[in-house]
Amino acid sequence: LRKAGARNYSIFFDQNRERLFAYLEAEPDVATYQARINEDPVNARWQEYMSDLLVIGEGGLPRLEQAFHLD
């Protein structure tokens, strides 16, 4: 994850501990991080292992809709 550019990465449970939500900052940007992580064989094995549990959207990242942001 770090080699691909992930920083400030956290995973959160929802209140009922039924769903997980992840947050990360990518360096230098999300597109570069995504390209790097998609080329990693360890990530490929992890994605295969977790495929029954993870909801993956287009581009390989989970689909989340932003509900709120404050700068």
PDB file of N, CA and C in Angstrom:
ATOM      1  N   LEU A   1       0.823  -1.194   0.000  1.00  0.00           N
ATOM      2  CA  LEU A   1       0.000   0.000   0.000  1.00  0.00           C
ATOM      3  C   LEU A   1       0.869   1.261   0.000  1.00  0.00           C
ATOM      4  N   ARG A   2       1.863   1.296   0.871  1.00  0.00           N
ATOM      5  CA  ARG A   2       2.738   2.473   0.916  1.00  0.00           C
ATOM      6  C   ARG A   2       3.525   2.636  -0.379  1.00  0.00           C
ATOM      7  N   LYS A   3       4.033   1.520  -0.912  1.00  0.00           N
ATOM      8  CA  LYS A   3       4.799   1.589  -2.162  1.00  0.00           C
ATOM      9  C   LYS A   3       3.951   2.124  -3.305  1.00  0.00           C
ATOM     10  N   ALA A   4       2.648   1.867  -3.259  1.00  0.00           N
ATOM     11  CA  ALA A   4       1.746   2.354  -4.303  1.00  0.00           C
ATOM     12  C   ALA A   4       1.381   3.825  -4.099  1.00  0.00           C
ATOM     13  N   GLY A   5       1.606   4.358  -2.889  1.00  0.00           N
ATOM     14  CA  GLY A   5       1.336   5.761  -2.616  1.00  0.00           C
ATOM     15  C   GLY A   5       0.262   6.031  -1.586  1.00  0.00           C
ATOM     16  N   ALA A   6      -0.213   5.001  -0.879  1.00  0.00           N
ATOM     17  CA  ALA A   6      -1.255   5.206   0.137  1.00  0.00           C
ATOM     18  C   ALA A   6      -0.670   5.888   1.370  1.00  0.00           C
ATOM     19  N   ARG A   7      -1.397   6.867   1.863  1.00  0.00           N
ATOM     20  CA  ARG A   7      -1.037   7.580   3.087  1.00  0.00           C
ATOM     21  C   ARG A   7      -2.316   7.834   3.869  1.00  0.00           C
ATOM     22  N   ASN A   8      -2.178   7.998   5.171  1.00  0.00           N
ATOM     23  CA  ASN A   8      -3.314   8.358   6.022  1.00  0.00           C
ATOM     24  C   ASN A   8      -4.510   7.437   5.735  1.00  0.00           C
ATOM     25  N   TYR A   9      -4.267   6.143   5.805  1.00  0.00           N
ATOM     26  CA  TYR A   9      -5.261   5.123   5.443  1.00  0.00           C
ATOM     27  C   TYR A   9      -5.946   4.618   6.701  1.00  0.00           C
ATOM     28  N   SER A  10      -7.267   4.688   6.723  1.00  0.00           N
ATOM     29  CA  SER A  10      -8.049   4.221   7.861  1.00  0.00           C
ATOM     30  C   SER A  10      -9.219   3.397   7.358  1.00  0.00           C
ATOM     31  N   ILE A  11      -9.636   2.423   8.169  1.00  0.00           N
ATOM     32  CA  ILE A  11     -10.830   1.640   7.890  1.00  0.00           C
ATOM     33  C   ILE A  11     -11.738   1.766   9.108  1.00  0.00           C
ATOM     34  N   PHE A  12     -13.011   2.036   8.857  1.00  0.00           N
ATOM     35  CA  PHE A  12     -13.978   2.260   9.914  1.00  0.00           C
ATOM     36  C   PHE A  12     -15.112   1.245   9.835  1.00  0.00           C
ATOM     37  N   PHE A  13     -15.627   0.824  10.972  1.00  0.00           N
ATOM     38  CA  PHE A  13     -16.863   0.050  11.049  1.00  0.00           C
ATOM     39  C   PHE A  13     -18.036   1.010  11.093  1.00  0.00           C
ATOM     40  N   ASP A  14     -19.191   0.580  10.575  1.00  0.00           N
ATOM     41  CA  ASP A  14     -20.394   1.361  10.817  1.00  0.00           C
ATOM     42  C   ASP A  14     -20.848   1.075  12.255  1.00  0.00           C
ATOM     43  N   GLN A  15     -21.884   1.742  12.686  1.00  0.00           N
ATOM     44  CA  GLN A  15     -22.330   1.646  14.073  1.00  0.00           C
ATOM     45  C   GLN A  15     -22.699   0.216  14.471  1.00  0.00           C
ATOM     46  N   ASN A  16     -23.251  -0.542  13.558  1.00  0.00           N
ATOM     47  CA  ASN A  16     -23.671  -1.910  13.852  1.00  0.00           C
ATOM     48  C   ASN A  16     -22.598  -2.949  13.548  1.00  0.00           C
ATOM     49  N   ARG A  17     -21.427  -2.495  13.144  1.00  0.00           N
ATOM     50  CA  ARG A  17     -20.318  -3.377  12.773  1.00  0.00           C
ATOM     51  C   ARG A  17     -20.711  -4.355  11.669  1.00  0.00           C
ATOM     52  N   GLU A  18     -21.529  -3.872  10.733  1.00  0.00           N
ATOM     53  CA  GLU A  18     -21.963  -4.682   9.602  1.00  0.00           C
ATOM     54  C   GLU A  18     -21.237  -4.327   8.318  1.00  0.00           C
ATOM     55  N   ARG A  19     -20.729  -3.103   8.223  1.00  0.00           N
ATOM     56  CA  ARG A  19     -20.044  -2.643   7.019  1.00  0.00           C
ATOM     57  C   ARG A  19     -18.758  -1.926   7.399  1.00  0.00           C
ATOM     58  N   LEU A  20     -17.806  -1.972   6.495  1.00  0.00           N
ATOM     59  CA  LEU A  20     -16.549  -1.257   6.654  1.00  0.00           C
ATOM     60  C   LEU A  20     -16.478  -0.133   5.630  1.00  0.00           C
ATOM     61  N   PHE A  21     -15.867   0.951   6.023  1.00  0.00           N
ATOM     62  CA  PHE A  21     -15.618   2.065   5.126  1.00  0.00           C
ATOM     63  C   PHE A  21     -14.142   2.411   5.220  1.00  0.00           C
ATOM     64  N   ALA A  22     -13.520   2.610   4.070  1.00  0.00           N
ATOM     65  CA  ALA A  22     -12.087   2.923   4.037  1.00  0.00           C
ATOM     66  C   ALA A  22     -11.876   4.341   3.531  1.00  0.00           C
ATOM     67  N   TYR A  23     -10.819   4.958   4.038  1.00  0.00           N
ATOM     68  CA  TYR A  23     -10.403   6.296   3.612  1.00  0.00           C
ATOM     69  C   TYR A  23      -8.900   6.265   3.446  1.00  0.00           C
ATOM     70  N   LEU A  24      -8.396   6.810   2.339  1.00  0.00           N
ATOM     71  CA  LEU A  24      -6.957   6.963   2.185  1.00  0.00           C
ATOM     72  C   LEU A  24      -6.656   8.179   1.343  1.00  0.00           C
ATOM     73  N   GLU A  25      -5.475   8.708   1.555  1.00  0.00           N
ATOM     74  CA  GLU A  25      -4.961   9.779   0.715  1.00  0.00           C
ATOM     75  C   GLU A  25      -3.888   9.154  -0.161  1.00  0.00           C
ATOM     76  N   ALA A  26      -3.865   9.518  -1.434  1.00  0.00           N
ATOM     77  CA  ALA A  26      -2.959   8.899  -2.396  1.00  0.00           C
ATOM     78  C   ALA A  26      -1.944   9.916  -2.900  1.00  0.00           C
ATOM     79  N   GLU A  27      -0.683   9.473  -2.970  1.00  0.00           N
ATOM     80  CA  GLU A  27       0.388  10.324  -3.500  1.00  0.00           C
ATOM     81  C   GLU A  27       0.970   9.664  -4.736  1.00  0.00           C
ATOM     82  N   PRO A  28       1.201  10.354  -5.806  1.00  0.00           N
ATOM     83  CA  PRO A  28       0.947  11.786  -5.968  1.00  0.00           C
ATOM     84  C   PRO A  28      -0.513  12.107  -6.256  1.00  0.00           C
ATOM     85  N   ASP A  29      -1.293  11.098  -6.703  1.00  0.00           N
ATOM     86  CA  ASP A  29      -2.715  11.298  -6.970  1.00  0.00           C
ATOM     87  C   ASP A  29      -3.405   9.936  -7.012  1.00  0.00           C
ATOM     88  N   VAL A  30      -4.728   9.932  -7.059  1.00  0.00           N
ATOM     89  CA  VAL A  30      -5.502   8.686  -7.010  1.00  0.00           C
ATOM     90  C   VAL A  30      -5.243   7.823  -8.243  1.00  0.00           C
ATOM     91  N   ALA A  31      -5.159   8.432  -9.422  1.00  0.00           N
ATOM     92  CA  ALA A  31      -4.944   7.654 -10.648  1.00  0.00           C
ATOM     93  C   ALA A  31      -3.617   6.902 -10.606  1.00  0.00           C
ATOM     94  N   THR A  32      -2.569   7.549 -10.126  1.00  0.00           N
ATOM     95  CA  THR A  32      -1.263   6.903 -10.019  1.00  0.00           C
ATOM     96  C   THR A  32      -1.298   5.793  -8.986  1.00  0.00           C
ATOM     97  N   TYR A  33      -1.893   6.057  -7.839  1.00  0.00           N
ATOM     98  CA  TYR A  33      -2.036   5.023  -6.808  1.00  0.00           C
ATOM     99  C   TYR A  33      -2.784   3.816  -7.362  1.00  0.00           C
ATOM    100  N   GLN A  34      -3.895   4.062  -8.019  1.00  0.00           N
ATOM    101  CA  GLN A  34      -4.721   2.982  -8.545  1.00  0.00           C
ATOM    102  C   GLN A  34      -3.950   2.151  -9.571  1.00  0.00           C
ATOM    103  N   ALA A  35      -3.209   2.792 -10.451  1.00  0.00           N
ATOM    104  CA  ALA A  35      -2.419   2.062 -11.446  1.00  0.00           C
ATOM    105  C   ALA A  35      -1.361   1.200 -10.762  1.00  0.00           C
ATOM    106  N   ARG A  36      -0.702   1.759  -9.771  1.00  0.00           N
ATOM    107  CA  ARG A  36       0.347   1.012  -9.054  1.00  0.00           C
ATOM    108  C   ARG A  36      -0.237  -0.175  -8.294  1.00  0.00           C
ATOM    109  N   ILE A  37      -1.328   0.037  -7.568  1.00  0.00           N
ATOM    110  CA  ILE A  37      -1.895  -1.028  -6.747  1.00  0.00           C
ATOM    111  C   ILE A  37      -2.481  -2.132  -7.619  1.00  0.00           C
ATOM    112  N   ASN A  38      -3.018  -1.762  -8.783  1.00  0.00           N
ATOM    113  CA  ASN A  38      -3.579  -2.768  -9.687  1.00  0.00           C
ATOM    114  C   ASN A  38      -2.510  -3.655 -10.319  1.00  0.00           C
ATOM    115  N   GLU A  39      -1.261  -3.207 -10.334  1.00  0.00           N
ATOM    116  CA  GLU A  39      -0.152  -3.996 -10.875  1.00  0.00           C
ATOM    117  C   GLU A  39       0.497  -4.890  -9.818  1.00  0.00           C
ATOM    118  N   ASP A  40       0.136  -4.732  -8.568  1.00  0.00           N
ATOM    119  CA  ASP A  40       0.783  -5.453  -7.475  1.00  0.00           C
ATOM    120  C   ASP A  40       0.210  -6.865  -7.326  1.00  0.00           C
ATOM    121  N   PRO A  41       1.047  -7.921  -7.386  1.00  0.00           N
ATOM    122  CA  PRO A  41       0.537  -9.288  -7.259  1.00  0.00           C
ATOM    123  C   PRO A  41      -0.053  -9.600  -5.887  1.00  0.00           C
ATOM    124  N   VAL A  42       0.447  -8.973  -4.842  1.00  0.00           N
ATOM    125  CA  VAL A  42      -0.118  -9.185  -3.502  1.00  0.00           C
ATOM    126  C   VAL A  42      -1.534  -8.628  -3.461  1.00  0.00           C
ATOM    127  N   ASN A  43      -1.739  -7.449  -4.036  1.00  0.00           N
ATOM    128  CA  ASN A  43      -3.083  -6.877  -4.098  1.00  0.00           C
ATOM    129  C   ASN A  43      -4.011  -7.774  -4.916  1.00  0.00           C
ATOM    130  N   ALA A  44      -3.529  -8.336  -5.996  1.00  0.00           N
ATOM    131  CA  ALA A  44      -4.360  -9.231  -6.817  1.00  0.00           C
ATOM    132  C   ALA A  44      -4.827 -10.438  -6.005  1.00  0.00           C
ATOM    133  N   ARG A  45      -3.932 -11.013  -5.217  1.00  0.00           N
ATOM    134  CA  ARG A  45      -4.307 -12.147  -4.364  1.00  0.00           C
ATOM    135  C   ARG A  45      -5.314 -11.718  -3.305  1.00  0.00           C
ATOM    136  N   TRP A  46      -5.115 -10.556  -2.711  1.00  0.00           N
ATOM    137  CA  TRP A  46      -6.038 -10.042  -1.697  1.00  0.00           C
ATOM    138  C   TRP A  46      -7.423  -9.803  -2.306  1.00  0.00           C
ATOM    139  N   GLN A  47      -7.471  -9.185  -3.465  1.00  0.00           N
ATOM    140  CA  GLN A  47      -8.750  -8.922  -4.122  1.00  0.00           C
ATOM    141  C   GLN A  47      -9.491 -10.226  -4.433  1.00  0.00           C
ATOM    142  N   GLU A  48      -8.769 -11.237  -4.882  1.00  0.00           N
ATOM    143  CA  GLU A  48      -9.382 -12.532  -5.165  1.00  0.00           C
ATOM    144  C   GLU A  48      -9.914 -13.155  -3.875  1.00  0.00           C
ATOM    145  N   TYR A  49      -9.120 -13.108  -2.821  1.00  0.00           N
ATOM    146  CA  TYR A  49      -9.507 -13.673  -1.528  1.00  0.00           C
ATOM    147  C   TYR A  49     -10.763 -12.998  -0.975  1.00  0.00           C
ATOM    148  N   MET A  50     -10.859 -11.698  -1.146  1.00  0.00           N
ATOM    149  CA  MET A  50     -11.953 -10.909  -0.587  1.00  0.00           C
ATOM    150  C   MET A  50     -13.114 -10.697  -1.560  1.00  0.00           C
ATOM    151  N   SER A  51     -13.061 -11.271  -2.744  1.00  0.00           N
ATOM    152  CA  SER A  51     -14.025 -10.964  -3.800  1.00  0.00           C
ATOM    153  C   SER A  51     -15.478 -11.223  -3.407  1.00  0.00           C
ATOM    154  N   ASP A  52     -15.730 -12.164  -2.529  1.00  0.00           N
ATOM    155  CA  ASP A  52     -17.104 -12.422  -2.098  1.00  0.00           C
ATOM    156  C   ASP A  52     -17.631 -11.375  -1.121  1.00  0.00           C
ATOM    157  N   LEU A  53     -16.737 -10.596  -0.542  1.00  0.00           N
ATOM    158  CA  LEU A  53     -17.133  -9.631   0.488  1.00  0.00           C
ATOM    159  C   LEU A  53     -17.096  -8.179   0.023  1.00  0.00           C
ATOM    160  N   LEU A  54     -16.219  -7.858  -0.911  1.00  0.00           N
ATOM    161  CA  LEU A  54     -16.035  -6.474  -1.322  1.00  0.00           C
ATOM    162  C   LEU A  54     -16.935  -6.101  -2.478  1.00  0.00           C
ATOM    163  N   VAL A  55     -17.536  -4.924  -2.399  1.00  0.00           N
ATOM    164  CA  VAL A  55     -18.301  -4.364  -3.501  1.00  0.00           C
ATOM    165  C   VAL A  55     -17.363  -3.411  -4.219  1.00  0.00           C
ATOM    166  N   ILE A  56     -16.995  -3.776  -5.439  1.00  0.00           N
ATOM    167  CA  ILE A  56     -16.015  -2.993  -6.179  1.00  0.00           C
ATOM    168  C   ILE A  56     -16.699  -2.299  -7.350  1.00  0.00           C
ATOM    169  N   GLY A  57     -16.443  -1.003  -7.474  1.00  0.00           N
ATOM    170  CA  GLY A  57     -17.007  -0.229  -8.573  1.00  0.00           C
ATOM    171  C   GLY A  57     -16.058  -0.180  -9.753  1.00  0.00           C
ATOM    172  N   GLU A  58     -16.410   0.591 -10.746  1.00  0.00           N
ATOM    173  CA  GLU A  58     -15.558   0.758 -11.915  1.00  0.00           C
ATOM    174  C   GLU A  58     -14.212   1.315 -11.490  1.00  0.00           C
ATOM    175  N   GLY A  59     -13.154   0.876 -12.133  1.00  0.00           N
ATOM    176  CA  GLY A  59     -11.819   1.352 -11.814  1.00  0.00           C
ATOM    177  C   GLY A  59     -11.185   0.623 -10.653  1.00  0.00           C
ATOM    178  N   GLY A  60     -11.855  -0.343 -10.065  1.00  0.00           N
ATOM    179  CA  GLY A  60     -11.266  -1.135  -9.004  1.00  0.00           C
ATOM    180  C   GLY A  60     -11.421  -0.585  -7.608  1.00  0.00           C
ATOM    181  N   LEU A  61     -12.050   0.551  -7.464  1.00  0.00           N
ATOM    182  CA  LEU A  61     -12.237   1.127  -6.137  1.00  0.00           C
ATOM    183  C   LEU A  61     -13.677   0.943  -5.686  1.00  0.00           C
ATOM    184  N   PRO A  62     -13.896   0.741  -4.388  1.00  0.00           N
ATOM    185  CA  PRO A  62     -15.273   0.620  -3.905  1.00  0.00           C
ATOM    186  C   PRO A  62     -16.076   1.880  -4.232  1.00  0.00           C
ATOM    187  N   ARG A  63     -17.337   1.699  -4.556  1.00  0.00           N
ATOM    188  CA  ARG A  63     -18.207   2.835  -4.855  1.00  0.00           C
ATOM    189  C   ARG A  63     -18.778   3.390  -3.569  1.00  0.00           C
ATOM    190  N   LEU A  64     -18.430   4.611  -3.288  1.00  0.00           N
ATOM    191  CA  LEU A  64     -18.998   5.328  -2.160  1.00  0.00           C
ATOM    192  C   LEU A  64     -19.456   6.688  -2.655  1.00  0.00           C
ATOM    193  N   GLU A  65     -20.567   7.116  -2.193  1.00  0.00           N
ATOM    194  CA  GLU A  65     -21.074   8.423  -2.546  1.00  0.00           C
ATOM    195  C   GLU A  65     -20.797   9.368  -1.389  1.00  0.00           C
ATOM    196  N   GLN A  66     -20.137  10.469  -1.681  1.00  0.00           N
ATOM    197  CA  GLN A  66     -19.796  11.421  -0.624  1.00  0.00           C
ATOM    198  C   GLN A  66     -21.063  12.053  -0.082  1.00  0.00           C
ATOM    199  N   ALA A  67     -21.194  12.046   1.231  1.00  0.00           N
ATOM    200  CA  ALA A  67     -22.352  12.625   1.892  1.00  0.00           C
ATOM    201  C   ALA A  67     -22.075  14.032   2.404  1.00  0.00           C
ATOM    202  N   PHE A  68     -20.786  14.324   2.723  1.00  0.00           N
ATOM    203  CA  PHE A  68     -20.453  15.619   3.284  1.00  0.00           C
ATOM    204  C   PHE A  68     -18.965  15.852   3.164  1.00  0.00           C
ATOM    205  N   HIS A  69     -18.577  17.093   2.928  1.00  0.00           N
ATOM    206  CA  HIS A  69     -17.160  17.495   2.928  1.00  0.00           C
ATOM    207  C   HIS A  69     -17.069  18.943   3.351  1.00  0.00           C
ATOM    208  N   LEU A  70     -16.102  19.260   4.199  1.00  0.00           N
ATOM    209  CA  LEU A  70     -15.842  20.632   4.617  1.00  0.00           C
ATOM    210  C   LEU A  70     -14.359  20.896   4.468  1.00  0.00           C
ATOM    211  N   ASP A  71     -13.988  21.939   3.714  1.00  0.00           N
ATOM    212  CA  ASP A  71     -12.583  22.331   3.587  1.00  0.00           C
ATOM    213  C   ASP A  71     -12.205  23.291   4.681  1.00  0.00           C
TER     214      ASP A  71
END
